Amino acid sequence: MFNDNFFKKVENKTNVNKDTILSLANKLQESNLKDEKAIKEVIENICSLTGKTISKEKEQKIINTILKDNVPKNLDKLF
């Protein structure tokens, strides 16, 4: 689905390598992304992996976007 160029772009922006990204993707597939608590855990995991923090307001905005299924389908365009 994604080529190595996509993973290189993500790694350059986040300092998270391809194996970690794929591991996270597997966890996402197993998660219930209609459950706010599960989404929050995923966000916390991503923040931990990238060494970044986000405000509670932004976290809630991300959660609401996922719950309303408003996530862009073409993620490689984001990078």
PDB file of N, CA and C in Angstrom:
ATOM      1  N   MET A   1       0.831  -1.198   0.000  1.00  0.00           N
ATOM      2  CA  MET A   1       0.000   0.000   0.000  1.00  0.00           C
ATOM      3  C   MET A   1       0.871   1.256   0.000  1.00  0.00           C
ATOM      4  N   PHE A   2       1.833   1.349   0.919  1.00  0.00           N
ATOM      5  CA  PHE A   2       2.732   2.498   0.966  1.00  0.00           C
ATOM      6  C   PHE A   2       4.108   2.059   0.508  1.00  0.00           C
ATOM      7  N   ASN A   3       4.783   2.927  -0.246  1.00  0.00           N
ATOM      8  CA  ASN A   3       6.120   2.589  -0.696  1.00  0.00           C
ATOM      9  C   ASN A   3       7.170   3.129   0.272  1.00  0.00           C
ATOM     10  N   ASP A   4       8.425   2.775   0.027  1.00  0.00           N
ATOM     11  CA  ASP A   4       9.501   3.191   0.921  1.00  0.00           C
ATOM     12  C   ASP A   4       9.637   4.709   0.980  1.00  0.00           C
ATOM     13  N   ASN A   5       9.299   5.393  -0.102  1.00  0.00           N
ATOM     14  CA  ASN A   5       9.372   6.854  -0.120  1.00  0.00           C
ATOM     15  C   ASN A   5       8.440   7.459   0.938  1.00  0.00           C
ATOM     16  N   PHE A   6       7.250   6.881   1.071  1.00  0.00           N
ATOM     17  CA  PHE A   6       6.308   7.343   2.092  1.00  0.00           C
ATOM     18  C   PHE A   6       6.919   7.187   3.477  1.00  0.00           C
ATOM     19  N   PHE A   7       7.479   6.010   3.757  1.00  0.00           N
ATOM     20  CA  PHE A   7       8.057   5.759   5.076  1.00  0.00           C
ATOM     21  C   PHE A   7       9.245   6.677   5.348  1.00  0.00           C
ATOM     22  N   LYS A   8      10.032   6.976   4.322  1.00  0.00           N
ATOM     23  CA  LYS A   8      11.161   7.895   4.501  1.00  0.00           C
ATOM     24  C   LYS A   8      10.664   9.299   4.853  1.00  0.00           C
ATOM     25  N   LYS A   9       9.595   9.737   4.197  1.00  0.00           N
ATOM     26  CA  LYS A   9       9.028  11.051   4.504  1.00  0.00           C
ATOM     27  C   LYS A   9       8.533  11.106   5.947  1.00  0.00           C
ATOM     28  N   VAL A  10       7.825  10.053   6.366  1.00  0.00           N
ATOM     29  CA  VAL A  10       7.317  10.004   7.735  1.00  0.00           C
ATOM     30  C   VAL A  10       8.478   9.986   8.717  1.00  0.00           C
ATOM     31  N   GLU A  11       9.485   9.157   8.441  1.00  0.00           N
ATOM     32  CA  GLU A  11      10.627   9.063   9.345  1.00  0.00           C
ATOM     33  C   GLU A  11      11.361  10.402   9.455  1.00  0.00           C
ATOM     34  N   ASN A  12      11.518  11.097   8.342  1.00  0.00           N
ATOM     35  CA  ASN A  12      12.184  12.406   8.369  1.00  0.00           C
ATOM     36  C   ASN A  12      11.409  13.420   9.201  1.00  0.00           C
ATOM     37  N   LYS A  13      10.087  13.356   9.161  1.00  0.00           N
ATOM     38  CA  LYS A  13       9.262  14.301   9.923  1.00  0.00           C
ATOM     39  C   LYS A  13       9.120  13.924  11.389  1.00  0.00           C
ATOM     40  N   THR A  14       9.162  12.615  11.685  1.00  0.00           N
ATOM     41  CA  THR A  14       8.820  12.173  13.035  1.00  0.00           C
ATOM     42  C   THR A  14       9.948  11.476  13.788  1.00  0.00           C
ATOM     43  N   ASN A  15      11.009  11.093  13.085  1.00  0.00           N
ATOM     44  CA  ASN A  15      12.098  10.290  13.664  1.00  0.00           C
ATOM     45  C   ASN A  15      11.613   8.927  14.141  1.00  0.00           C
ATOM     46  N   VAL A  16      10.555   8.413  13.531  1.00  0.00           N
ATOM     47  CA  VAL A  16      10.022   7.088  13.836  1.00  0.00           C
ATOM     48  C   VAL A  16      10.284   6.208  12.619  1.00  0.00           C
ATOM     49  N   ASN A  17      10.958   5.065  12.829  1.00  0.00           N
ATOM     50  CA  ASN A  17      11.355   4.234  11.689  1.00  0.00           C
ATOM     51  C   ASN A  17      10.209   3.371  11.163  1.00  0.00           C
ATOM     52  N   LYS A  18      10.453   2.778   9.995  1.00  0.00           N
ATOM     53  CA  LYS A  18       9.437   1.997   9.287  1.00  0.00           C
ATOM     54  C   LYS A  18       8.906   0.851  10.142  1.00  0.00           C
ATOM     55  N   ASP A  19       9.791   0.119  10.831  1.00  0.00           N
ATOM     56  CA  ASP A  19       9.345  -1.013  11.645  1.00  0.00           C
ATOM     57  C   ASP A  19       8.404  -0.568  12.756  1.00  0.00           C
ATOM     58  N   THR A  20       8.708   0.560  13.366  1.00  0.00           N
ATOM     59  CA  THR A  20       7.852   1.086  14.430  1.00  0.00           C
ATOM     60  C   THR A  20       6.501   1.513  13.859  1.00  0.00           C
ATOM     61  N   ILE A  21       6.528   2.123  12.691  1.00  0.00           N
ATOM     62  CA  ILE A  21       5.292   2.548  12.030  1.00  0.00           C
ATOM     63  C   ILE A  21       4.419   1.333  11.720  1.00  0.00           C
ATOM     64  N   LEU A  22       5.029   0.280  11.197  1.00  0.00           N
ATOM     65  CA  LEU A  22       4.273  -0.929  10.866  1.00  0.00           C
ATOM     66  C   LEU A  22       3.735  -1.605  12.119  1.00  0.00           C
ATOM     67  N   SER A  23       4.518  -1.586  13.189  1.00  0.00           N
ATOM     68  CA  SER A  23       4.054  -2.137  14.462  1.00  0.00           C
ATOM     69  C   SER A  23       2.845  -1.364  14.973  1.00  0.00           C
ATOM     70  N   LEU A  24       2.918  -0.039  14.891  1.00  0.00           N
ATOM     71  CA  LEU A  24       1.794   0.796  15.304  1.00  0.00           C
ATOM     72  C   LEU A  24       0.572   0.531  14.430  1.00  0.00           C
ATOM     73  N   ALA A  25       0.796   0.353  13.132  1.00  0.00           N
ATOM     74  CA  ALA A  25      -0.321   0.066  12.218  1.00  0.00           C
ATOM     75  C   ALA A  25      -1.011  -1.235  12.606  1.00  0.00           C
ATOM     76  N   ASN A  26      -0.236  -2.235  12.987  1.00  0.00           N
ATOM     77  CA  ASN A  26      -0.830  -3.496  13.430  1.00  0.00           C
ATOM     78  C   ASN A  26      -1.666  -3.292  14.686  1.00  0.00           C
ATOM     79  N   LYS A  27      -1.174  -2.485  15.624  1.00  0.00           N
ATOM     80  CA  LYS A  27      -1.929  -2.197  16.843  1.00  0.00           C
ATOM     81  C   LYS A  27      -3.225  -1.467  16.500  1.00  0.00           C
ATOM     82  N   LEU A  28      -3.145  -0.559  15.527  1.00  0.00           N
ATOM     83  CA  LEU A  28      -4.341   0.184  15.121  1.00  0.00           C
ATOM     84  C   LEU A  28      -5.396  -0.748  14.552  1.00  0.00           C
ATOM     85  N   GLN A  29      -4.966  -1.733  13.771  1.00  0.00           N
ATOM     86  CA  GLN A  29      -5.914  -2.678  13.183  1.00  0.00           C
ATOM     87  C   GLN A  29      -6.628  -3.484  14.257  1.00  0.00           C
ATOM     88  N   GLU A  30      -5.950  -3.709  15.375  1.00  0.00           N
ATOM     89  CA  GLU A  30      -6.531  -4.484  16.462  1.00  0.00           C
ATOM     90  C   GLU A  30      -7.379  -3.628  17.402  1.00  0.00           C
ATOM     91  N   SER A  31      -7.248  -2.310  17.289  1.00  0.00           N
ATOM     92  CA  SER A  31      -7.949  -1.396  18.196  1.00  0.00           C
ATOM     93  C   SER A  31      -9.365  -1.126  17.723  1.00  0.00           C
ATOM     94  N   ASN A  32     -10.208  -0.802  18.678  1.00  0.00           N
ATOM     95  CA  ASN A  32     -11.570  -0.388  18.372  1.00  0.00           C
ATOM     96  C   ASN A  32     -11.564   1.136  18.226  1.00  0.00           C
ATOM     97  N   LEU A  33     -11.510   1.599  16.995  1.00  0.00           N
ATOM     98  CA  LEU A  33     -11.421   3.038  16.763  1.00  0.00           C
ATOM     99  C   LEU A  33     -12.781   3.727  16.813  1.00  0.00           C
ATOM    100  N   LYS A  34     -13.738   3.056  17.386  1.00  0.00           N
ATOM    101  CA  LYS A  34     -15.023   3.687  17.686  1.00  0.00           C
ATOM    102  C   LYS A  34     -15.156   3.894  19.192  1.00  0.00           C
ATOM    103  N   ASP A  35     -14.098   3.560  19.908  1.00  0.00           N
ATOM    104  CA  ASP A  35     -14.059   3.697  21.360  1.00  0.00           C
ATOM    105  C   ASP A  35     -13.092   4.830  21.717  1.00  0.00           C
ATOM    106  N   GLU A  36     -13.610   5.865  22.353  1.00  0.00           N
ATOM    107  CA  GLU A  36     -12.805   7.040  22.672  1.00  0.00           C
ATOM    108  C   GLU A  36     -11.571   6.694  23.502  1.00  0.00           C
ATOM    109  N   LYS A  37     -11.722   5.785  24.437  1.00  0.00           N
ATOM    110  CA  LYS A  37     -10.588   5.399  25.291  1.00  0.00           C
ATOM    111  C   LYS A  37      -9.478   4.744  24.458  1.00  0.00           C
ATOM    112  N   ALA A  38      -9.852   3.882  23.516  1.00  0.00           N
ATOM    113  CA  ALA A  38      -8.872   3.215  22.657  1.00  0.00           C
ATOM    114  C   ALA A  38      -8.142   4.228  21.776  1.00  0.00           C
ATOM    115  N   ILE A  39      -8.879   5.190  21.255  1.00  0.00           N
ATOM    116  CA  ILE A  39      -8.270   6.227  20.415  1.00  0.00           C
ATOM    117  C   ILE A  39      -7.290   7.052  21.234  1.00  0.00           C
ATOM    118  N   LYS A  40      -7.683   7.383  22.445  1.00  0.00           N
ATOM    119  CA  LYS A  40      -6.821   8.161  23.335  1.00  0.00           C
ATOM    120  C   LYS A  40      -5.509   7.412  23.608  1.00  0.00           C
ATOM    121  N   GLU A  41      -5.603   6.101  23.809  1.00  0.00           N
ATOM    122  CA  GLU A  41      -4.404   5.291  24.034  1.00  0.00           C
ATOM    123  C   GLU A  41      -3.484   5.311  22.809  1.00  0.00           C
ATOM    124  N   VAL A  42      -4.066   5.251  21.625  1.00  0.00           N
ATOM    125  CA  VAL A  42      -3.282   5.301  20.393  1.00  0.00           C
ATOM    126  C   VAL A  42      -2.576   6.657  20.280  1.00  0.00           C
ATOM    127  N   ILE A  43      -3.294   7.728  20.569  1.00  0.00           N
ATOM    128  CA  ILE A  43      -2.701   9.067  20.519  1.00  0.00           C
ATOM    129  C   ILE A  43      -1.544   9.174  21.504  1.00  0.00           C
ATOM    130  N   GLU A  44      -1.734   8.679  22.712  1.00  0.00           N
ATOM    131  CA  GLU A  44      -0.670   8.710  23.716  1.00  0.00           C
ATOM    132  C   GLU A  44       0.536   7.907  23.258  1.00  0.00           C
ATOM    133  N   ASN A  45       0.287   6.769  22.613  1.00  0.00           N
ATOM    134  CA  ASN A  45       1.364   5.935  22.098  1.00  0.00           C
ATOM    135  C   ASN A  45       2.158   6.683  21.022  1.00  0.00           C
ATOM    136  N   ILE A  46       1.449   7.334  20.119  1.00  0.00           N
ATOM    137  CA  ILE A  46       2.115   8.091  19.057  1.00  0.00           C
ATOM    138  C   ILE A  46       2.922   9.245  19.643  1.00  0.00           C
ATOM    139  N   CYS A  47       2.367   9.942  20.604  1.00  0.00           N
ATOM    140  CA  CYS A  47       3.091  11.033  21.255  1.00  0.00           C
ATOM    141  C   CYS A  47       4.362  10.517  21.914  1.00  0.00           C
ATOM    142  N   SER A  48       4.261   9.377  22.544  1.00  0.00           N
ATOM    143  CA  SER A  48       5.421   8.772  23.197  1.00  0.00           C
ATOM    144  C   SER A  48       6.490   8.392  22.172  1.00  0.00           C
ATOM    145  N   LEU A  49       6.070   7.795  21.068  1.00  0.00           N
ATOM    146  CA  LEU A  49       7.008   7.381  20.027  1.00  0.00           C
ATOM    147  C   LEU A  49       7.737   8.565  19.401  1.00  0.00           C
ATOM    148  N   THR A  50       7.018   9.658  19.222  1.00  0.00           N
ATOM    149  CA  THR A  50       7.591  10.814  18.536  1.00  0.00           C
ATOM    150  C   THR A  50       8.227  11.823  19.478  1.00  0.00           C
ATOM    151  N   GLY A  51       7.995  11.645  20.778  1.00  0.00           N
ATOM    152  CA  GLY A  51       8.537  12.597  21.741  1.00  0.00           C
ATOM    153  C   GLY A  51       7.820  13.938  21.712  1.00  0.00           C
ATOM    154  N   LYS A  52       6.611  13.943  21.206  1.00  0.00           N
ATOM    155  CA  LYS A  52       5.815  15.171  21.093  1.00  0.00           C
ATOM    156  C   LYS A  52       4.682  15.160  22.110  1.00  0.00           C
ATOM    157  N   THR A  53       4.188  16.336  22.413  1.00  0.00           N
ATOM    158  CA  THR A  53       3.002  16.459  23.255  1.00  0.00           C
ATOM    159  C   THR A  53       1.958  17.265  22.491  1.00  0.00           C
ATOM    160  N   ILE A  54       0.708  17.022  22.829  1.00  0.00           N
ATOM    161  CA  ILE A  54      -0.370  17.808  22.230  1.00  0.00           C
ATOM    162  C   ILE A  54      -1.290  18.271  23.351  1.00  0.00           C
ATOM    163  N   SER A  55      -1.997  19.342  23.063  1.00  0.00           N
ATOM    164  CA  SER A  55      -2.932  19.870  24.050  1.00  0.00           C
ATOM    165  C   SER A  55      -4.150  18.959  24.144  1.00  0.00           C
ATOM    166  N   LYS A  56      -4.858  19.062  25.256  1.00  0.00           N
ATOM    167  CA  LYS A  56      -6.095  18.290  25.424  1.00  0.00           C
ATOM    168  C   LYS A  56      -7.111  18.670  24.352  1.00  0.00           C
ATOM    169  N   GLU A  57      -7.106  19.948  23.970  1.00  0.00           N
ATOM    170  CA  GLU A  57      -8.035  20.417  22.935  1.00  0.00           C
ATOM    171  C   GLU A  57      -7.740  19.723  21.601  1.00  0.00           C
ATOM    172  N   LYS A  58      -6.462  19.659  21.222  1.00  0.00           N
ATOM    173  CA  LYS A  58      -6.093  19.014  19.967  1.00  0.00           C
ATOM    174  C   LYS A  58      -6.365  17.509  20.044  1.00  0.00           C
ATOM    175  N   GLU A  59      -6.083  16.904  21.200  1.00  0.00           N
ATOM    176  CA  GLU A  59      -6.366  15.487  21.385  1.00  0.00           C
ATOM    177  C   GLU A  59      -7.855  15.215  21.160  1.00  0.00           C
ATOM    178  N   GLN A  60      -8.714  16.034  21.736  1.00  0.00           N
ATOM    179  CA  GLN A  60     -10.156  15.849  21.580  1.00  0.00           C
ATOM    180  C   GLN A  60     -10.579  16.062  20.136  1.00  0.00           C
ATOM    181  N   LYS A  61      -9.956  17.001  19.445  1.00  0.00           N
ATOM    182  CA  LYS A  61     -10.267  17.236  18.042  1.00  0.00           C
ATOM    183  C   LYS A  61      -9.912  16.006  17.199  1.00  0.00           C
ATOM    184  N   ILE A  62      -8.763  15.398  17.480  1.00  0.00           N
ATOM    185  CA  ILE A  62      -8.348  14.180  16.774  1.00  0.00           C
ATOM    186  C   ILE A  62      -9.346  13.051  17.055  1.00  0.00           C
ATOM    187  N   ILE A  63      -9.704  12.880  18.315  1.00  0.00           N
ATOM    188  CA  ILE A  63     -10.666  11.842  18.702  1.00  0.00           C
ATOM    189  C   ILE A  63     -11.986  12.037  17.968  1.00  0.00           C
ATOM    190  N   ASN A  64     -12.488  13.257  17.969  1.00  0.00           N
ATOM    191  CA  ASN A  64     -13.760  13.538  17.292  1.00  0.00           C
ATOM    192  C   ASN A  64     -13.668  13.278  15.791  1.00  0.00           C
ATOM    193  N   THR A  65     -12.551  13.632  15.182  1.00  0.00           N
ATOM    194  CA  THR A  65     -12.355  13.402  13.752  1.00  0.00           C
ATOM    195  C   THR A  65     -12.404  11.917  13.443  1.00  0.00           C
ATOM    196  N   ILE A  66     -11.744  11.116  14.268  1.00  0.00           N
ATOM    197  CA  ILE A  66     -11.736   9.661  14.058  1.00  0.00           C
ATOM    198  C   ILE A  66     -13.125   9.076  14.298  1.00  0.00           C
ATOM    199  N   LEU A  67     -13.782   9.489  15.376  1.00  0.00           N
ATOM    200  CA  LEU A  67     -15.114   8.966  15.682  1.00  0.00           C
ATOM    201  C   LEU A  67     -16.132   9.301  14.590  1.00  0.00           C
ATOM    202  N   LYS A  68     -15.967  10.460  13.965  1.00  0.00           N
ATOM    203  CA  LYS A  68     -16.893  10.869  12.899  1.00  0.00           C
ATOM    204  C   LYS A  68     -16.445  10.355  11.533  1.00  0.00           C
ATOM    205  N   ASP A  69     -15.345   9.570  11.520  1.00  0.00           N
ATOM    206  CA  ASP A  69     -14.802   8.980  10.298  1.00  0.00           C
ATOM    207  C   ASP A  69     -14.449  10.046   9.259  1.00  0.00           C
ATOM    208  N   ASN A  70     -13.837  11.130   9.725  1.00  0.00           N
ATOM    209  CA  ASN A  70     -13.414  12.211   8.839  1.00  0.00           C
ATOM    210  C   ASN A  70     -11.917  12.188   8.570  1.00  0.00           C
ATOM    211  N   VAL A  71     -11.283  11.036   8.731  1.00  0.00           N
ATOM    212  CA  VAL A  71      -9.853  10.900   8.500  1.00  0.00           C
ATOM    213  C   VAL A  71      -9.613  10.813   7.001  1.00  0.00           C
ATOM    214  N   PRO A  72      -8.641  11.580   6.476  1.00  0.00           N
ATOM    215  CA  PRO A  72      -8.356  11.502   5.034  1.00  0.00           C
ATOM    216  C   PRO A  72      -7.975  10.083   4.630  1.00  0.00           C
ATOM    217  N   LYS A  73      -8.450   9.651   3.489  1.00  0.00           N
ATOM    218  CA  LYS A  73      -8.164   8.291   3.019  1.00  0.00           C
ATOM    219  C   LYS A  73      -6.785   8.189   2.377  1.00  0.00           C
ATOM    220  N   ASN A  74      -6.244   9.298   1.889  1.00  0.00           N
ATOM    221  CA  ASN A  74      -4.964   9.287   1.194  1.00  0.00           C
ATOM    222  C   ASN A  74      -3.917   9.934   2.091  1.00  0.00           C
ATOM    223  N   LEU A  75      -3.404   9.176   3.054  1.00  0.00           N
ATOM    224  CA  LEU A  75      -2.496   9.718   4.066  1.00  0.00           C
ATOM    225  C   LEU A  75      -1.148  10.153   3.504  1.00  0.00           C
ATOM    226  N   ASP A  76      -0.697   9.582   2.395  1.00  0.00           N
ATOM    227  CA  ASP A  76       0.611   9.979   1.863  1.00  0.00           C
ATOM    228  C   ASP A  76       0.606  11.428   1.382  1.00  0.00           C
ATOM    229  N   LYS A  77      -0.546  11.988   1.127  1.00  0.00           N
ATOM    230  CA  LYS A  77      -0.652  13.400   0.739  1.00  0.00           C
ATOM    231  C   LYS A  77      -0.353  14.331   1.911  1.00  0.00           C
ATOM    232  N   LEU A  78      -0.465  13.826   3.145  1.00  0.00           N
ATOM    233  CA  LEU A  78      -0.204  14.635   4.317  1.00  0.00           C
ATOM    234  C   LEU A  78       1.278  14.891   4.521  1.00  0.00           C
ATOM    235  N   PHE A  79       2.120  14.069   3.908  1.00  0.00           N
ATOM    236  CA  PHE A  79       3.549  14.183   4.095  1.00  0.00           C
ATOM    237  C   PHE A  79       4.185  14.616   2.817  1.00  0.00           C
TER     238      PHE A  79
END
